[in-house]
Amino acid sequence: MIFADEAQDLNVMHWKVMRRWDGHGHNFIHAGDDDQAIYSFMGASPDAIKAIDRLRQIIRSGAEQTGSH
C-alpha cells in the first residue's frame, strides 16, 4: 500500500512513480487539500488529486455495473 500525504504538492513525476510502484492503482491512498497547494513553481498541481478522484469514481461505477469488485 502506498500513502501520499500532502498530495496537492506532488508533481507529475511523483504521480508517475507512485503509479508505477502501485501497479493497478488499487493500493494507493492520498490525502491533500487543493486549497493549500504551495509548490506550483516546482510543477505541483492539485488538479491531479481531482483527476484521480474522478478516475476512481469512473472505475467504481463501471465495477458496479458489471458486478465485479
N, C-alpha and C. Protein backbone atom coordinates (compact mmCIF):
# COMPACT_ATOMS: atom_id res chain seq x y z
N MET A 1 0.84 -1.16 0.00
CA MET A 1 0.00 0.00 0.00
C MET A 1 0.89 1.24 0.00
N ILE A 2 0.49 2.23 -0.76
CA ILE A 2 1.21 3.49 -0.84
C ILE A 2 0.32 4.59 -0.30
N PHE A 3 0.87 5.40 0.60
CA PHE A 3 0.13 6.52 1.16
C PHE A 3 0.89 7.80 0.85
N ALA A 4 0.22 8.75 0.22
CA ALA A 4 0.83 10.04 -0.10
C ALA A 4 0.12 11.13 0.68
N ASP A 5 0.84 11.74 1.60
CA ASP A 5 0.29 12.86 2.36
C ASP A 5 0.72 14.15 1.65
N GLU A 6 -0.04 15.19 1.81
CA GLU A 6 0.21 16.47 1.14
C GLU A 6 0.26 16.27 -0.38
N ALA A 7 -0.68 15.48 -0.88
CA ALA A 7 -0.70 15.13 -2.30
C ALA A 7 -0.86 16.33 -3.22
N GLN A 8 -1.37 17.43 -2.70
CA GLN A 8 -1.53 18.63 -3.53
C GLN A 8 -0.18 19.21 -3.94
N ASP A 9 0.90 18.80 -3.27
CA ASP A 9 2.22 19.32 -3.57
C ASP A 9 3.06 18.39 -4.43
N LEU A 10 2.45 17.35 -4.97
CA LEU A 10 3.17 16.42 -5.84
C LEU A 10 3.14 16.91 -7.28
N ASN A 11 4.22 16.62 -8.00
CA ASN A 11 4.23 16.98 -9.42
C ASN A 11 3.98 15.73 -10.26
N VAL A 12 3.96 15.90 -11.55
CA VAL A 12 3.63 14.79 -12.46
C VAL A 12 4.57 13.61 -12.28
N MET A 13 5.86 13.87 -12.12
CA MET A 13 6.82 12.77 -11.95
C MET A 13 6.54 11.99 -10.67
N HIS A 14 6.20 12.68 -9.60
CA HIS A 14 5.84 11.97 -8.36
C HIS A 14 4.67 11.03 -8.59
N TRP A 15 3.63 11.52 -9.26
CA TRP A 15 2.45 10.71 -9.52
C TRP A 15 2.80 9.50 -10.39
N LYS A 16 3.65 9.72 -11.39
CA LYS A 16 4.04 8.60 -12.27
C LYS A 16 4.81 7.53 -11.50
N VAL A 17 5.72 7.95 -10.63
CA VAL A 17 6.49 6.99 -9.85
C VAL A 17 5.57 6.19 -8.93
N MET A 18 4.68 6.88 -8.24
CA MET A 18 3.76 6.16 -7.34
C MET A 18 2.84 5.23 -8.10
N ARG A 19 2.39 5.66 -9.25
CA ARG A 19 1.52 4.79 -10.06
C ARG A 19 2.29 3.55 -10.51
N ARG A 20 3.55 3.73 -10.86
CA ARG A 20 4.39 2.60 -11.28
C ARG A 20 4.58 1.62 -10.12
N TRP A 21 4.84 2.15 -8.93
CA TRP A 21 5.01 1.30 -7.75
C TRP A 21 3.74 0.54 -7.43
N ASP A 22 2.62 1.21 -7.59
CA ASP A 22 1.34 0.62 -7.20
C ASP A 22 0.82 -0.39 -8.21
N GLY A 23 1.20 -0.30 -9.43
CA GLY A 23 0.72 -1.23 -10.44
C GLY A 23 -0.63 -0.83 -11.00
N HIS A 24 -1.70 -1.30 -10.38
CA HIS A 24 -3.04 -1.07 -10.92
C HIS A 24 -3.84 0.01 -10.20
N GLY A 25 -3.25 0.66 -9.21
CA GLY A 25 -3.94 1.73 -8.52
C GLY A 25 -4.92 1.31 -7.45
N HIS A 26 -4.85 0.04 -7.05
CA HIS A 26 -5.80 -0.45 -6.06
C HIS A 26 -5.32 -0.23 -4.63
N ASN A 27 -4.04 0.02 -4.45
CA ASN A 27 -3.49 0.15 -3.10
C ASN A 27 -2.86 1.51 -2.88
N PHE A 28 -3.48 2.53 -3.41
CA PHE A 28 -2.94 3.88 -3.32
C PHE A 28 -3.91 4.78 -2.58
N ILE A 29 -3.43 5.41 -1.53
CA ILE A 29 -4.24 6.34 -0.75
C ILE A 29 -3.53 7.69 -0.78
N HIS A 30 -4.28 8.72 -1.02
CA HIS A 30 -3.69 10.06 -0.98
C HIS A 30 -4.53 10.98 -0.12
N ALA A 31 -3.85 11.92 0.50
CA ALA A 31 -4.53 12.94 1.31
C ALA A 31 -3.94 14.28 0.93
N GLY A 32 -4.80 15.23 0.73
CA GLY A 32 -4.31 16.56 0.38
C GLY A 32 -5.45 17.55 0.34
N ASP A 33 -5.10 18.80 0.31
CA ASP A 33 -6.07 19.88 0.27
C ASP A 33 -5.67 20.82 -0.85
N ASP A 34 -6.46 20.84 -1.91
CA ASP A 34 -6.08 21.65 -3.07
C ASP A 34 -6.00 23.14 -2.75
N ASP A 35 -6.62 23.58 -1.66
CA ASP A 35 -6.53 24.98 -1.26
C ASP A 35 -5.20 25.31 -0.59
N GLN A 36 -4.39 24.30 -0.28
CA GLN A 36 -3.12 24.52 0.39
C GLN A 36 -1.92 24.26 -0.52
N ALA A 37 -2.13 24.17 -1.80
CA ALA A 37 -1.03 23.91 -2.74
C ALA A 37 -0.07 25.10 -2.76
N ILE A 38 1.21 24.83 -2.49
CA ILE A 38 2.20 25.92 -2.46
C ILE A 38 3.41 25.66 -3.36
N TYR A 39 3.46 24.52 -4.03
CA TYR A 39 4.63 24.19 -4.82
C TYR A 39 4.39 24.21 -6.32
N SER A 40 3.54 25.09 -6.79
CA SER A 40 3.28 25.16 -8.22
C SER A 40 4.54 25.53 -9.00
N PHE A 41 5.46 26.26 -8.37
CA PHE A 41 6.71 26.62 -9.04
C PHE A 41 7.58 25.39 -9.31
N MET A 42 7.28 24.27 -8.64
CA MET A 42 8.01 23.03 -8.88
C MET A 42 7.20 22.06 -9.73
N GLY A 43 6.08 22.53 -10.28
CA GLY A 43 5.27 21.68 -11.14
C GLY A 43 4.16 20.95 -10.42
N ALA A 44 4.01 21.19 -9.12
CA ALA A 44 2.93 20.53 -8.38
C ALA A 44 1.59 21.09 -8.84
N SER A 45 0.60 20.21 -8.89
CA SER A 45 -0.72 20.64 -9.32
C SER A 45 -1.79 19.91 -8.53
N PRO A 46 -2.62 20.64 -7.80
CA PRO A 46 -3.71 19.98 -7.08
C PRO A 46 -4.76 19.40 -8.03
N ASP A 47 -4.69 19.75 -9.30
CA ASP A 47 -5.63 19.18 -10.28
C ASP A 47 -5.47 17.67 -10.38
N ALA A 48 -4.28 17.16 -10.08
CA ALA A 48 -4.06 15.72 -10.13
C ALA A 48 -4.94 15.00 -9.12
N ILE A 49 -5.13 15.60 -7.94
CA ILE A 49 -5.99 14.99 -6.93
C ILE A 49 -7.41 14.85 -7.48
N LYS A 50 -7.90 15.91 -8.09
CA LYS A 50 -9.25 15.89 -8.64
C LYS A 50 -9.37 14.87 -9.76
N ALA A 51 -8.33 14.77 -10.60
CA ALA A 51 -8.35 13.80 -11.71
C ALA A 51 -8.37 12.37 -11.19
N ILE A 52 -7.60 12.09 -10.17
CA ILE A 52 -7.57 10.74 -9.60
C ILE A 52 -8.92 10.41 -8.98
N ASP A 53 -9.51 11.36 -8.29
CA ASP A 53 -10.83 11.12 -7.70
C ASP A 53 -11.87 10.84 -8.77
N ARG A 54 -11.82 11.58 -9.88
CA ARG A 54 -12.77 11.33 -10.98
C ARG A 54 -12.55 9.95 -11.58
N LEU A 55 -11.30 9.58 -11.76
CA LEU A 55 -10.98 8.27 -12.33
C LEU A 55 -11.48 7.15 -11.43
N ARG A 56 -11.29 7.29 -10.14
CA ARG A 56 -11.78 6.27 -9.21
C ARG A 56 -13.30 6.15 -9.25
N GLN A 57 -14.00 7.26 -9.39
CA GLN A 57 -15.45 7.22 -9.49
C GLN A 57 -15.87 6.48 -10.74
N ILE A 58 -15.19 6.71 -11.83
CA ILE A 58 -15.50 6.01 -13.09
C ILE A 58 -15.25 4.52 -12.94
N ILE A 59 -14.14 4.16 -12.32
CA ILE A 59 -13.81 2.74 -12.14
C ILE A 59 -14.85 2.08 -11.24
N ARG A 60 -15.21 2.74 -10.16
CA ARG A 60 -16.21 2.17 -9.25
C ARG A 60 -17.56 1.99 -9.93
N SER A 61 -17.99 3.00 -10.68
CA SER A 61 -19.29 2.88 -11.34
C SER A 61 -19.27 1.77 -12.39
N GLY A 62 -18.15 1.60 -13.08
CA GLY A 62 -18.02 0.51 -14.04
C GLY A 62 -18.06 -0.86 -13.35
N ALA A 63 -17.41 -0.96 -12.19
CA ALA A 63 -17.41 -2.22 -11.46
C ALA A 63 -18.80 -2.54 -10.93
N GLU A 64 -19.52 -1.52 -10.50
CA GLU A 64 -20.88 -1.74 -10.01
C GLU A 64 -21.81 -2.20 -11.14
N GLN A 65 -21.60 -1.65 -12.33
CA GLN A 65 -22.45 -2.02 -13.46
C GLN A 65 -22.18 -3.45 -13.93
N THR A 66 -20.93 -3.88 -13.82
CA THR A 66 -20.59 -5.23 -14.27
C THR A 66 -20.69 -6.26 -13.16
N GLY A 67 -20.82 -5.77 -11.91
CA GLY A 67 -20.89 -6.69 -10.79
C GLY A 67 -19.55 -7.17 -10.31
N SER A 68 -18.45 -6.62 -10.83
CA SER A 68 -17.12 -7.02 -10.37
C SER A 68 -16.63 -6.08 -9.29
N HIS A 69 -15.65 -6.51 -8.53
CA HIS A 69 -15.11 -5.69 -7.43
C HIS A 69 -13.64 -5.50 -7.58
